[in-house]
Amino acid sequence: MDGRAVAPAAGTVLNALATGTGSAFAIDLETTATVELTSDGRVDAEIVGQPDADTTLVERCATLTIAEHASPAGLNESTVGARVRTESEVPMASGLKSSSAAANATVLATLDALEIADAVDRIDACRLGVRAARDAGVTVTGAFDDASASMLGGVTVTDNATDELLAREEIDWHALVYTPPEQSFSADADVSACERIAPMADLVAELALDGRYGEAMTVNGFAFCGALEFSTGPMIDALPDAAGVSLSGTGPSYVAVGDQSTLETVRDRWDERDGTTRLLRTRTDGTELA
C-alpha cells in the first residue's frame, strides 16, 4: 500500500522560543512525502537530492504513525514497516519550517498508506509530527505553531507547551521570502537570550490574537533579530511598504507580507543582497493528500 501527501512551508508571526506561545502562517513552498508500506517492520527514508541528510525526523514520523494507527487499520504493528521518500522546495535550516512540512507530509502520507487518512483529525495528525520532532531533537519548542500552520493552512496561534490551538484565521496575502546563503538550525538557537525578551513576545501574542498580524510580525522581527544576533537590515528594506516583516523562525530567512505590487518594490531591494528572493502567495489550505 502506498500513500502520498503534500505539505506547505510557513513563515513566522511570533517565535515561540521566548514564552512558548507562537504564531505562523502557511506559504506556497511544498514538501512531498511518499510512503510505501512493507512487511519487514523496518522504517527507512531518503530525501531526494540530499543523500547525506539526516532522515531521523521522517523515520520517526512514520514509526509513530504506524505504532498508533496500524491496529485501527487492521494491520499488525510489529510487522508493518515503511519506505519514505521526501522531496522539497523548502530550503533546509532556513527558518521556513522545512521540518514541520516534512513531518506533516510524512504523517499524512503514512495514514494514506494505512488507508485511514480521512478517519484521523488533521490536528491530531499534526501533533504526531510534533512528537516526532521532539524525539528527533530538531526543535526546541516542538514547533506546534509552525506545524499547525502547515497542516491546517492560514495563520495559527498556539500554546506550544500544551500543543493547544488558540486561534486560526485564513488570510490571503502575498509573501516575499529572502533567504541568505547561510543556514541556521533551530536546535542551536540561544534559548536563554530569547527568554529575556519575553515581554516583547507577550506583546506580539496580544497583537496576533487581536488579528494584527502584520504589526505582530514586525515587532517579533526586531526583537528576535536582537536576541539571535541577526541583521535588521532586510527588515528596514521592507519598511514602511510591507504590511509586516519578520525574521522567520530562528533565521536566516526573512518574510514580508502585503500586496503584490508593494512586495515587488521590496524584492528589488532584497535582490541586491546575497541570497535568494521568492515572491509567493500565502496558503489557506494546508497539508493534503496528493
Protein backbone atom coordinates (compact mmCIF):
# COMPACT_ATOMS: atom_id res chain seq x y z
CA MET A 1 0.00 0.00 0.00
CA ASP A 2 1.28 3.44 -0.92
CA GLY A 3 0.47 6.91 0.37
CA ARG A 4 1.37 10.40 -0.76
CA ALA A 5 0.87 13.87 0.77
CA VAL A 6 1.99 17.45 0.22
CA ALA A 7 2.62 20.00 2.99
CA PRO A 8 3.32 23.74 2.72
CA ALA A 9 6.13 25.63 4.42
CA ALA A 10 5.40 28.52 6.79
CA GLY A 11 6.58 31.94 7.88
CA THR A 12 6.72 33.36 11.40
CA VAL A 13 4.43 35.82 13.12
CA LEU A 14 5.66 35.03 16.65
CA ASN A 15 8.65 32.88 17.55
CA ALA A 16 7.66 30.57 20.43
CA LEU A 17 11.14 30.38 21.96
CA ALA A 18 10.51 33.27 24.36
CA THR A 19 7.29 32.19 26.07
CA GLY A 20 6.00 29.02 24.44
CA THR A 21 3.29 30.92 22.56
CA GLY A 22 3.87 31.00 18.82
CA SER A 23 2.21 32.01 15.58
CA ALA A 24 2.89 31.15 11.94
CA PHE A 25 1.25 31.18 8.50
CA ALA A 26 1.42 28.77 5.58
CA ILE A 27 3.24 29.81 2.40
CA ASP A 28 3.33 28.31 -1.08
CA LEU A 29 6.51 26.23 -0.91
CA GLU A 30 5.86 22.49 -0.69
CA THR A 31 7.31 19.27 0.64
CA THR A 32 6.02 15.98 -0.78
CA ALA A 33 6.24 12.65 1.03
CA THR A 34 5.63 9.22 -0.49
CA VAL A 35 5.26 6.22 1.81
CA GLU A 36 5.31 2.58 0.75
CA LEU A 37 4.31 0.13 3.46
CA THR A 38 6.40 -3.03 3.85
CA SER A 39 6.05 -6.22 5.88
CA ASP A 40 9.53 -6.34 7.42
CA GLY A 41 8.92 -3.97 10.35
CA ARG A 42 11.70 -1.60 9.19
CA VAL A 43 11.33 2.11 8.54
CA ASP A 44 13.81 3.69 6.12
CA ALA A 45 13.80 7.10 4.47
CA GLU A 46 15.54 9.12 1.79
CA ILE A 47 15.48 12.82 0.96
CA VAL A 48 15.64 13.38 -2.78
CA GLY A 49 18.77 15.24 -3.85
CA GLN A 50 20.30 15.12 -0.34
CA PRO A 51 21.84 11.67 0.13
CA ASP A 52 23.70 12.73 3.29
CA ALA A 53 20.77 14.47 5.01
CA ASP A 54 19.56 13.27 8.41
CA THR A 55 16.35 11.27 7.95
CA THR A 56 15.65 10.72 11.65
CA LEU A 57 12.62 13.02 11.71
CA VAL A 58 10.71 11.45 8.82
CA GLU A 59 11.56 7.95 10.01
CA ARG A 60 10.25 8.81 13.47
CA CYS A 61 7.07 10.28 11.95
CA ALA A 62 6.36 7.07 10.07
CA THR A 63 7.24 4.92 13.09
CA LEU A 64 4.92 6.80 15.47
CA THR A 65 2.09 6.87 12.93
CA ILE A 66 2.34 3.13 12.38
CA ALA A 67 2.55 2.46 16.13
CA GLU A 68 -0.59 4.49 16.78
CA HIS A 69 -2.69 3.61 13.76
CA ALA A 70 -1.66 0.22 12.34
CA SER A 71 -4.02 -1.71 14.62
CA PRO A 72 -7.07 0.50 13.84
CA ALA A 73 -6.20 -0.05 10.18
CA GLY A 74 -6.40 -3.81 10.74
CA LEU A 75 -2.65 -4.44 10.48
CA ASN A 76 -0.07 -5.99 12.80
CA GLU A 77 2.03 -3.12 14.15
CA SER A 78 5.06 -5.36 14.76
CA THR A 79 5.38 -6.36 11.11
CA VAL A 80 4.43 -3.11 9.36
CA GLY A 81 7.39 -1.15 8.03
CA ALA A 82 7.72 1.73 5.60
CA ARG A 83 9.93 3.22 2.94
CA VAL A 84 9.63 7.01 2.99
CA ARG A 85 10.75 9.35 0.26
CA THR A 86 10.56 13.12 0.62
CA GLU A 87 11.16 15.84 -1.94
CA SER A 88 11.07 19.52 -1.06
CA GLU A 89 11.07 23.04 -2.46
CA VAL A 90 11.74 24.31 1.08
CA PRO A 91 15.41 25.05 1.83
CA MET A 92 16.58 23.24 4.97
CA ALA A 93 17.69 25.16 8.07
CA SER A 94 16.37 28.40 6.60
CA GLY A 95 13.63 29.33 9.08
CA LEU A 96 10.85 28.34 6.68
CA LYS A 97 9.65 25.31 8.66
CA SER A 98 11.10 22.61 6.44
CA SER A 99 11.00 20.15 9.34
CA SER A 100 7.32 20.82 10.07
CA ALA A 101 6.41 20.44 6.41
CA ALA A 102 8.36 17.18 6.14
CA ALA A 103 6.77 15.85 9.32
CA ASN A 104 3.23 16.72 8.28
CA ALA A 105 3.65 15.30 4.79
CA THR A 106 5.14 12.08 6.16
CA VAL A 107 2.46 11.55 8.81
CA LEU A 108 -0.38 12.15 6.37
CA ALA A 109 1.24 10.01 3.65
CA THR A 110 1.65 7.19 6.17
CA LEU A 111 -2.01 7.49 7.19
CA ASP A 112 -2.88 7.43 3.49
CA ALA A 113 -0.87 4.25 3.02
CA LEU A 114 -2.72 2.76 6.00
CA GLU A 115 -5.94 3.81 4.23
CA ILE A 116 -7.25 5.71 7.27
CA ALA A 117 -6.23 9.31 6.45
CA ASP A 118 -9.84 10.51 6.41
CA ALA A 119 -10.51 8.96 9.82
CA VAL A 120 -7.80 10.93 11.67
CA ASP A 121 -8.37 14.56 12.62
CA ARG A 122 -5.76 16.79 10.98
CA ILE A 123 -4.77 18.48 14.24
CA ASP A 124 -4.14 15.07 15.83
CA ALA A 125 -2.02 14.10 12.84
CA CYS A 126 -0.13 17.36 13.35
CA ARG A 127 0.55 16.50 16.99
CA LEU A 128 2.08 13.18 15.92
CA GLY A 129 4.59 15.06 13.78
CA VAL A 130 5.35 17.41 16.67
CA ARG A 131 6.05 14.44 18.94
CA ALA A 132 8.39 13.06 16.32
CA ALA A 133 10.19 16.41 16.02
CA ARG A 134 10.78 16.48 19.76
CA ASP A 135 12.01 12.90 19.72
CA ALA A 136 14.34 13.67 16.82
CA GLY A 137 15.73 16.76 18.55
CA VAL A 138 15.14 19.07 15.59
CA THR A 139 13.15 21.61 17.59
CA VAL A 140 13.37 23.28 20.98
CA THR A 141 9.66 24.09 21.42
CA GLY A 142 8.10 21.25 19.46
CA ALA A 143 7.10 23.79 16.80
CA PHE A 144 3.37 23.21 17.15
CA ASP A 145 2.84 26.76 15.82
CA ASP A 146 4.76 26.02 12.62
CA ALA A 147 3.30 22.54 12.27
CA SER A 148 -0.29 23.69 12.77
CA ALA A 149 0.06 26.42 10.14
CA SER A 150 1.49 23.89 7.69
CA MET A 151 -1.12 21.25 8.49
CA LEU A 152 -4.21 23.49 8.58
CA GLY A 153 -3.22 26.41 6.35
CA GLY A 154 -3.86 30.06 7.18
CA VAL A 155 -2.48 31.80 10.27
CA THR A 156 -2.42 29.94 13.57
CA VAL A 157 -1.63 30.97 17.14
CA THR A 158 -0.69 28.18 19.53
CA ASP A 159 0.46 27.31 23.03
CA ASN A 160 3.45 25.08 22.32
CA ALA A 161 3.70 23.97 25.94
CA THR A 162 0.31 22.24 25.75
CA ASP A 163 0.01 21.80 21.96
CA GLU A 164 -3.21 23.80 22.06
CA LEU A 165 -4.55 25.71 19.06
CA LEU A 166 -5.52 29.17 20.34
CA ALA A 167 -6.67 30.75 17.06
CA ARG A 168 -6.73 30.19 13.32
CA GLU A 169 -7.66 32.61 10.55
CA GLU A 170 -7.48 32.46 6.77
CA ILE A 171 -5.67 35.50 5.37
CA ASP A 172 -4.89 35.98 1.69
CA TRP A 173 -1.54 37.74 1.39
CA HIS A 174 1.39 37.76 -0.93
CA ALA A 175 4.58 36.81 0.88
CA LEU A 176 8.12 37.76 -0.05
CA VAL A 177 10.86 35.49 1.27
CA TYR A 178 14.54 36.44 1.42
CA THR A 179 16.95 33.61 2.28
CA PRO A 180 20.64 34.47 2.80
CA PRO A 181 23.26 31.87 1.80
CA GLU A 182 23.94 30.62 5.34
CA GLN A 183 21.92 28.07 7.34
CA SER A 184 20.61 28.30 10.91
CA PHE A 185 19.44 25.26 12.87
CA SER A 186 16.56 25.78 15.30
CA ALA A 187 18.03 23.37 17.85
CA ASP A 188 21.15 25.57 18.08
CA ALA A 189 19.29 28.79 18.95
CA ASP A 190 20.22 30.73 22.10
CA VAL A 191 17.08 29.99 24.11
CA SER A 192 18.17 31.99 27.16
CA ALA A 193 18.58 35.12 25.03
CA CYS A 194 15.11 34.58 23.57
CA GLU A 195 13.58 34.13 27.02
CA ARG A 196 14.91 37.54 28.06
CA ILE A 197 12.66 39.23 25.50
CA ALA A 198 9.51 37.54 26.85
CA PRO A 199 7.72 40.88 27.49
CA MET A 200 8.04 41.74 23.80
CA ALA A 201 6.80 38.26 22.86
CA ASP A 202 3.76 38.80 25.10
CA LEU A 203 3.02 41.99 23.19
CA VAL A 204 3.36 40.15 19.87
CA ALA A 205 0.95 37.48 21.12
CA GLU A 206 -1.60 40.14 22.06
CA LEU A 207 -1.33 41.70 18.61
CA ALA A 208 -1.66 38.33 16.89
CA LEU A 209 -4.69 37.28 18.93
CA ASP A 210 -6.22 40.65 18.01
CA GLY A 211 -5.73 39.85 14.32
CA ARG A 212 -2.99 42.47 13.88
CA TYR A 213 -0.62 40.01 12.26
CA GLY A 214 1.49 42.45 10.26
CA GLU A 215 2.31 44.59 13.29
CA ALA A 216 2.92 41.45 15.33
CA MET A 217 5.40 40.16 12.75
CA THR A 218 7.36 43.37 12.69
CA VAL A 219 7.68 43.64 16.47
CA ASN A 220 8.68 39.97 16.58
CA GLY A 221 11.27 40.51 13.88
CA PHE A 222 13.08 43.36 15.59
CA ALA A 223 13.00 41.58 18.96
CA PHE A 224 14.33 38.27 17.70
CA CYS A 225 16.90 39.80 15.37
CA GLY A 226 18.28 41.37 18.53
CA ALA A 227 18.13 38.20 20.61
CA LEU A 228 19.56 35.93 17.90
CA GLU A 229 22.02 38.50 16.53
CA PHE A 230 20.67 38.77 13.00
CA SER A 231 20.79 41.95 10.96
CA THR A 232 17.71 44.16 10.93
CA GLY A 233 18.81 45.50 7.54
CA PRO A 234 16.43 43.34 5.48
CA MET A 235 13.56 44.43 7.71
CA ILE A 236 14.42 48.11 7.23
CA ASP A 237 14.48 47.44 3.46
CA ALA A 238 10.86 46.27 3.66
CA LEU A 239 9.51 49.14 5.77
CA PRO A 240 7.27 51.06 5.71
CA ASP A 241 5.99 49.44 2.49
CA ALA A 242 5.21 45.91 3.66
CA ALA A 243 2.24 45.20 5.92
CA GLY A 244 4.60 43.20 8.11
CA VAL A 245 8.11 41.77 8.05
CA SER A 246 9.99 39.43 10.36
CA LEU A 247 12.93 37.16 10.79
CA SER A 248 11.34 33.77 10.13
CA GLY A 249 11.86 31.25 12.90
CA THR A 250 15.46 31.31 14.08
CA GLY A 251 16.56 32.60 10.69
CA PRO A 252 18.28 33.19 8.47
CA SER A 253 15.25 33.87 6.21
CA TYR A 254 13.09 36.98 6.41
CA VAL A 255 9.46 37.09 5.31
CA ALA A 256 7.43 40.17 4.38
CA VAL A 257 3.69 40.21 3.68
CA GLY A 258 1.46 42.62 1.78
CA ASP A 259 0.06 43.17 -1.69
CA GLN A 260 1.95 42.07 -4.78
CA SER A 261 2.95 45.48 -6.15
CA THR A 262 4.34 46.62 -2.80
CA LEU A 263 6.33 43.45 -2.34
CA GLU A 264 7.75 43.73 -5.85
CA THR A 265 9.30 47.01 -4.71
CA VAL A 266 10.74 45.32 -1.64
CA ARG A 267 12.01 42.47 -3.83
CA ASP A 268 14.11 44.92 -5.82
CA ARG A 269 15.86 45.93 -2.60
CA TRP A 270 16.32 42.37 -1.33
CA ASP A 271 17.64 41.26 -4.73
CA GLU A 272 20.66 43.48 -4.09
CA ARG A 273 21.62 41.23 -1.19
CA ASP A 274 23.39 37.86 -1.47
CA GLY A 275 20.94 35.00 -1.36
CA THR A 276 17.58 34.04 -2.87
CA THR A 277 14.33 36.04 -3.03
CA ARG A 278 10.94 34.44 -3.76
CA LEU A 279 7.56 36.12 -4.23
CA LEU A 280 4.85 33.69 -3.15
CA ARG A 281 1.25 33.51 -2.00
CA THR A 282 0.15 32.55 1.46
CA ARG A 283 -1.82 29.32 1.71
CA THR A 284 -5.25 28.96 3.25
CA ASP A 285 -5.21 25.22 2.61
CA GLY A 286 -2.78 23.03 4.47
CA THR A 287 -1.37 19.53 4.15
CA GLU A 288 -3.27 17.43 1.63
CA LEU A 289 -3.25 14.00 0.06
CA ALA A 290 -1.60 14.02 -3.34
